[in-house]
Amino acid sequence: FFNATATTAIYPLSLHAALPIFAQHDTSRAVQMYERAIELQQVKKLTPQSVAIRIEMGRLYFLNEDYKNAARIFSVVLEAFDDPKILTAPQRKVLLPKPHALYSLIADSFLKDGQLDKAAAMFRKADSFKSNAPRLDFHLAKIALQKTAYKDARKLLDSYLDSKSTAGGDG
């Protein structure tokens, strides 16, 4: 994910300092470092650096199964992605080297936090970068099931199964 030359201007040193901790699988401590980095910035408005930190925080919250905080942090990230005053196109490109992967993670965070409409929107957004209709049907079926829209869930799941795709994975 990190390319030192391309990301130096966006990723602050505090972010790079947390990498060894993350590599040791101490995600709780890495999240604490990121939270502290945000506090130290003492800036109310979003910057490319604070967005970069929040992306990593969202990932770590997700890994720690803290879906509420992951969804909360990713909501702020999405706000920044939608505002050209916060992120320029080149900055967005650095922060989104694999847009499908990040939007899928954001979608899963919303799904696991019960924000089903936001999850559906993010799964569709992820699909716009790497289209796979059966995979999208699979994810939307999970959402329909949680909404107790059983007929919709069945239709989407049938479509997924008819495709003989394994893109939905195990979950």
C-alpha atoms as a PDB file:
ATOM      1  CA  PHE A   1       0.000   0.000   0.000  1.00  0.00           C
ATOM      2  CA  PHE A   2       2.754   2.439   0.860  1.00  0.00           C
ATOM      3  CA  ASN A   3       5.040   3.870  -1.790  1.00  0.00           C
ATOM      4  CA  ALA A   4       7.525   6.084   0.016  1.00  0.00           C
ATOM      5  CA  THR A   5       8.211   8.446  -2.853  1.00  0.00           C
ATOM      6  CA  ALA A   6       4.591   8.897  -3.907  1.00  0.00           C
ATOM      7  CA  THR A   7       3.158   9.194  -0.430  1.00  0.00           C
ATOM      8  CA  THR A   8       5.716  11.255   1.471  1.00  0.00           C
ATOM      9  CA  ALA A   9       3.800  14.464   0.865  1.00  0.00           C
ATOM     10  CA  ILE A  10       0.527  12.971   2.064  1.00  0.00           C
ATOM     11  CA  TYR A  11       1.451  10.444   4.738  1.00  0.00           C
ATOM     12  CA  PRO A  12       2.906  12.112   7.825  1.00  0.00           C
ATOM     13  CA  LEU A  13       5.823  10.641   9.720  1.00  0.00           C
ATOM     14  CA  SER A  14       3.495   9.619  12.570  1.00  0.00           C
ATOM     15  CA  LEU A  15       1.716   7.317  10.131  1.00  0.00           C
ATOM     16  CA  HIS A  16       4.990   5.694   9.102  1.00  0.00           C
ATOM     17  CA  ALA A  17       5.931   5.325  12.789  1.00  0.00           C
ATOM     18  CA  ALA A  18       2.864   3.144  13.374  1.00  0.00           C
ATOM     19  CA  LEU A  19       3.787   0.684  10.625  1.00  0.00           C
ATOM     20  CA  PRO A  20       6.208  -1.406  12.747  1.00  0.00           C
ATOM     21  CA  ILE A  21       3.539  -1.687  15.445  1.00  0.00           C
ATOM     22  CA  PHE A  22       0.987  -2.801  12.878  1.00  0.00           C
ATOM     23  CA  ALA A  23       3.513  -5.284  11.485  1.00  0.00           C
ATOM     24  CA  GLN A  24       3.692  -6.806  14.974  1.00  0.00           C
ATOM     25  CA  HIS A  25      -0.104  -7.289  14.801  1.00  0.00           C
ATOM     26  CA  ASP A  26      -0.708  -4.904  17.706  1.00  0.00           C
ATOM     27  CA  THR A  27      -3.612  -3.203  15.975  1.00  0.00           C
ATOM     28  CA  SER A  28      -5.031  -1.705  19.168  1.00  0.00           C
ATOM     29  CA  ARG A  29      -1.789   0.129  19.864  1.00  0.00           C
ATOM     30  CA  ALA A  30      -1.509   1.233  16.230  1.00  0.00           C
ATOM     31  CA  VAL A  31      -5.035   2.696  16.425  1.00  0.00           C
ATOM     32  CA  GLN A  32      -4.015   4.595  19.569  1.00  0.00           C
ATOM     33  CA  MET A  33      -1.048   6.069  17.685  1.00  0.00           C
ATOM     34  CA  TYR A  34      -3.286   7.173  14.829  1.00  0.00           C
ATOM     35  CA  GLU A  35      -5.808   8.706  17.233  1.00  0.00           C
ATOM     36  CA  ARG A  36      -2.979  10.603  18.877  1.00  0.00           C
ATOM     37  CA  ALA A  37      -1.701  11.783  15.485  1.00  0.00           C
ATOM     38  CA  ILE A  38      -5.153  13.217  14.706  1.00  0.00           C
ATOM     39  CA  GLU A  39      -5.221  14.963  18.100  1.00  0.00           C
ATOM     40  CA  LEU A  40      -1.746  16.421  17.562  1.00  0.00           C
ATOM     41  CA  GLN A  41      -2.777  17.976  14.279  1.00  0.00           C
ATOM     42  CA  GLN A  42      -5.233  20.154  16.218  1.00  0.00           C
ATOM     43  CA  VAL A  43      -6.903  21.080  12.957  1.00  0.00           C
ATOM     44  CA  LYS A  44     -10.654  20.991  12.580  1.00  0.00           C
ATOM     45  CA  LYS A  45     -10.665  20.869   8.793  1.00  0.00           C
ATOM     46  CA  LEU A  46      -9.684  17.738   6.926  1.00  0.00           C
ATOM     47  CA  THR A  47      -6.312  17.602   5.214  1.00  0.00           C
ATOM     48  CA  PRO A  48      -4.830  14.951   2.929  1.00  0.00           C
ATOM     49  CA  GLN A  49      -2.678  13.841   5.871  1.00  0.00           C
ATOM     50  CA  SER A  50      -5.609  13.477   8.256  1.00  0.00           C
ATOM     51  CA  VAL A  51      -7.572  11.575   5.597  1.00  0.00           C
ATOM     52  CA  ALA A  52      -4.628   9.171   5.148  1.00  0.00           C
ATOM     53  CA  ILE A  53      -4.529   8.579   8.893  1.00  0.00           C
ATOM     54  CA  ARG A  54      -8.286   8.030   9.014  1.00  0.00           C
ATOM     55  CA  ILE A  55      -8.113   5.439   6.221  1.00  0.00           C
ATOM     56  CA  GLU A  56      -5.608   3.443   8.250  1.00  0.00           C
ATOM     57  CA  MET A  57      -7.613   3.942  11.445  1.00  0.00           C
ATOM     58  CA  GLY A  58     -10.739   2.641   9.685  1.00  0.00           C
ATOM     59  CA  ARG A  59      -8.865  -0.447   8.520  1.00  0.00           C
ATOM     60  CA  LEU A  60      -7.546  -1.119  11.990  1.00  0.00           C
ATOM     61  CA  TYR A  61     -10.923  -0.583  13.645  1.00  0.00           C
ATOM     62  CA  PHE A  62     -12.356  -3.072  11.147  1.00  0.00           C
ATOM     63  CA  LEU A  63      -9.614  -5.603  11.906  1.00  0.00           C
ATOM     64  CA  ASN A  64     -10.374  -5.157  15.612  1.00  0.00           C
ATOM     65  CA  GLU A  65     -14.061  -5.820  14.833  1.00  0.00           C
ATOM     66  CA  ASP A  66     -14.939  -2.319  16.045  1.00  0.00           C
ATOM     67  CA  TYR A  67     -17.343  -1.751  13.174  1.00  0.00           C
ATOM     68  CA  LYS A  68     -19.075   1.274  14.692  1.00  0.00           C
ATOM     69  CA  ASN A  69     -15.806   3.235  14.830  1.00  0.00           C
ATOM     70  CA  ALA A  70     -14.725   1.918  11.425  1.00  0.00           C
ATOM     71  CA  ALA A  71     -17.989   3.173   9.896  1.00  0.00           C
ATOM     72  CA  ARG A  72     -17.687   6.497  11.751  1.00  0.00           C
ATOM     73  CA  ILE A  73     -14.131   7.085  10.519  1.00  0.00           C
ATOM     74  CA  PHE A  74     -14.910   5.945   6.984  1.00  0.00           C
ATOM     75  CA  SER A  75     -17.850   8.378   6.839  1.00  0.00           C
ATOM     76  CA  VAL A  76     -15.344  11.192   7.335  1.00  0.00           C
ATOM     77  CA  VAL A  77     -13.065   9.696   4.667  1.00  0.00           C
ATOM     78  CA  LEU A  78     -15.962   9.603   2.191  1.00  0.00           C
ATOM     79  CA  GLU A  79     -16.741  13.232   2.964  1.00  0.00           C
ATOM     80  CA  ALA A  80     -13.155  14.102   2.039  1.00  0.00           C
ATOM     81  CA  PHE A  81     -13.237  12.026  -1.171  1.00  0.00           C
ATOM     82  CA  ASP A  82     -16.355  13.919  -2.276  1.00  0.00           C
ATOM     83  CA  ASP A  83     -14.881  17.378  -1.643  1.00  0.00           C
ATOM     84  CA  PRO A  84     -12.332  18.633  -4.196  1.00  0.00           C
ATOM     85  CA  LYS A  85     -11.384  21.407  -1.757  1.00  0.00           C
ATOM     86  CA  ILE A  86      -9.986  18.753   0.585  1.00  0.00           C
ATOM     87  CA  LEU A  87      -8.383  16.353  -1.890  1.00  0.00           C
ATOM     88  CA  THR A  88      -7.130  17.055  -5.379  1.00  0.00           C
ATOM     89  CA  ALA A  89      -7.450  14.357  -8.032  1.00  0.00           C
ATOM     90  CA  PRO A  90      -3.748  13.374  -7.695  1.00  0.00           C
ATOM     91  CA  GLN A  91      -4.072  13.175  -3.893  1.00  0.00           C
ATOM     92  CA  ARG A  92      -7.185  11.022  -4.213  1.00  0.00           C
ATOM     93  CA  LYS A  93      -5.282   8.755  -6.594  1.00  0.00           C
ATOM     94  CA  VAL A  94      -2.473   8.293  -4.034  1.00  0.00           C
ATOM     95  CA  LEU A  95      -4.962   7.560  -1.261  1.00  0.00           C
ATOM     96  CA  LEU A  96      -6.965   5.195  -3.488  1.00  0.00           C
ATOM     97  CA  PRO A  97      -4.437   2.969  -5.233  1.00  0.00           C
ATOM     98  CA  LYS A  98      -7.029   0.153  -5.181  1.00  0.00           C
ATOM     99  CA  PRO A  99     -10.410   1.902  -5.023  1.00  0.00           C
ATOM    100  CA  HIS A 100     -12.409  -1.323  -5.272  1.00  0.00           C
ATOM    101  CA  ALA A 101     -10.684  -2.732  -2.192  1.00  0.00           C
ATOM    102  CA  LEU A 102     -11.163   0.382  -0.056  1.00  0.00           C
ATOM    103  CA  TYR A 103     -14.794   0.944  -1.055  1.00  0.00           C
ATOM    104  CA  SER A 104     -15.512  -2.753  -0.381  1.00  0.00           C
ATOM    105  CA  LEU A 105     -13.989  -2.399   3.080  1.00  0.00           C
ATOM    106  CA  ILE A 106     -16.039   0.724   3.720  1.00  0.00           C
ATOM    107  CA  ALA A 107     -19.152  -1.125   2.531  1.00  0.00           C
ATOM    108  CA  ASP A 108     -18.423  -4.047   4.870  1.00  0.00           C
ATOM    109  CA  SER A 109     -17.933  -1.609   7.742  1.00  0.00           C
ATOM    110  CA  PHE A 110     -21.317  -0.021   7.089  1.00  0.00           C
ATOM    111  CA  LEU A 111     -22.929  -3.447   6.681  1.00  0.00           C
ATOM    112  CA  LYS A 112     -21.555  -4.722   9.981  1.00  0.00           C
ATOM    113  CA  ASP A 113     -22.611  -1.479  11.683  1.00  0.00           C
ATOM    114  CA  GLY A 114     -26.163  -1.875  10.392  1.00  0.00           C
ATOM    115  CA  GLN A 115     -26.009   1.098   8.004  1.00  0.00           C
ATOM    116  CA  LEU A 116     -27.522  -0.934   5.219  1.00  0.00           C
ATOM    117  CA  ASP A 117     -28.347   1.788   2.680  1.00  0.00           C
ATOM    118  CA  LYS A 118     -24.832   3.205   2.950  1.00  0.00           C
ATOM    119  CA  ALA A 119     -23.410  -0.310   2.617  1.00  0.00           C
ATOM    120  CA  ALA A 120     -25.389  -0.903  -0.584  1.00  0.00           C
ATOM    121  CA  ALA A 121     -24.213   2.423  -2.030  1.00  0.00           C
ATOM    122  CA  MET A 122     -20.574   1.589  -1.237  1.00  0.00           C
ATOM    123  CA  PHE A 123     -20.810  -1.932  -2.685  1.00  0.00           C
ATOM    124  CA  ARG A 124     -22.162  -0.340  -5.870  1.00  0.00           C
ATOM    125  CA  LYS A 125     -19.356   2.229  -5.807  1.00  0.00           C
ATOM    126  CA  ALA A 126     -16.773  -0.553  -5.373  1.00  0.00           C
ATOM    127  CA  ASP A 127     -18.348  -2.423  -8.278  1.00  0.00           C
ATOM    128  CA  SER A 128     -17.997   0.675 -10.459  1.00  0.00           C
ATOM    129  CA  PHE A 129     -14.207   0.292 -10.210  1.00  0.00           C
ATOM    130  CA  LYS A 130     -14.043  -3.470 -10.696  1.00  0.00           C
ATOM    131  CA  SER A 131     -17.309  -4.702 -12.102  1.00  0.00           C
ATOM    132  CA  ASN A 132     -18.505  -8.151 -11.133  1.00  0.00           C
ATOM    133  CA  ALA A 133     -22.295  -8.490 -11.235  1.00  0.00           C
ATOM    134  CA  PRO A 134     -22.452 -11.816  -9.354  1.00  0.00           C
ATOM    135  CA  ARG A 135     -20.303 -10.457  -6.505  1.00  0.00           C
ATOM    136  CA  LEU A 136     -22.486  -7.351  -6.292  1.00  0.00           C
ATOM    137  CA  ASP A 137     -25.622  -9.525  -6.248  1.00  0.00           C
ATOM    138  CA  PHE A 138     -24.105 -11.546  -3.415  1.00  0.00           C
ATOM    139  CA  HIS A 139     -23.420  -8.442  -1.303  1.00  0.00           C
ATOM    140  CA  LEU A 140     -26.790  -6.885  -2.047  1.00  0.00           C
ATOM    141  CA  ALA A 141     -28.462 -10.187  -1.112  1.00  0.00           C
ATOM    142  CA  LYS A 142     -26.803 -10.004   2.320  1.00  0.00           C
ATOM    143  CA  ILE A 143     -28.171  -6.483   2.741  1.00  0.00           C
ATOM    144  CA  ALA A 144     -31.664  -7.478   1.598  1.00  0.00           C
ATOM    145  CA  LEU A 145     -31.582 -10.369   4.049  1.00  0.00           C
ATOM    146  CA  GLN A 146     -30.716  -8.030   6.937  1.00  0.00           C
ATOM    147  CA  LYS A 147     -33.573  -5.761   5.845  1.00  0.00           C
ATOM    148  CA  THR A 148     -35.836  -8.849   5.932  1.00  0.00           C
ATOM    149  CA  ALA A 149     -36.604  -8.266   2.247  1.00  0.00           C
ATOM    150  CA  TYR A 150     -36.585 -12.012   1.698  1.00  0.00           C
ATOM    151  CA  LYS A 151     -37.979 -12.003  -1.852  1.00  0.00           C
ATOM    152  CA  ASP A 152     -35.318  -9.519  -2.963  1.00  0.00           C
ATOM    153  CA  ALA A 153     -32.622 -11.478  -1.147  1.00  0.00           C
ATOM    154  CA  ARG A 154     -33.748 -14.715  -2.799  1.00  0.00           C
ATOM    155  CA  LYS A 155     -33.808 -13.130  -6.260  1.00  0.00           C
ATOM    156  CA  LEU A 156     -30.299 -11.687  -5.820  1.00  0.00           C
ATOM    157  CA  LEU A 157     -28.956 -14.900  -4.358  1.00  0.00           C
ATOM    158  CA  ASP A 158     -30.508 -16.958  -7.174  1.00  0.00           C
ATOM    159  CA  SER A 159     -28.837 -14.637  -9.682  1.00  0.00           C
ATOM    160  CA  TYR A 160     -25.515 -15.094  -7.889  1.00  0.00           C
ATOM    161  CA  LEU A 161     -25.879 -18.885  -7.748  1.00  0.00           C
ATOM    162  CA  ASP A 162     -27.007 -19.120 -11.385  1.00  0.00           C
ATOM    163  CA  SER A 163     -23.800 -17.379 -12.401  1.00  0.00           C
ATOM    164  CA  LYS A 164     -21.791 -20.224 -10.825  1.00  0.00           C
ATOM    165  CA  SER A 165     -19.454 -17.533  -9.520  1.00  0.00           C
ATOM    166  CA  THR A 166     -17.439 -17.901  -6.353  1.00  0.00           C
ATOM    167  CA  ALA A 167     -16.805 -14.153  -6.144  1.00  0.00           C
ATOM    168  CA  GLY A 168     -18.810 -13.858  -2.918  1.00  0.00           C
ATOM    169  CA  GLY A 169     -16.231 -15.938  -1.088  1.00  0.00           C
ATOM    170  CA  ASP A 170     -17.138 -17.105   2.364  1.00  0.00           C
ATOM    171  CA  GLY A 171     -18.824 -14.082   3.467  1.00  0.00           C
END
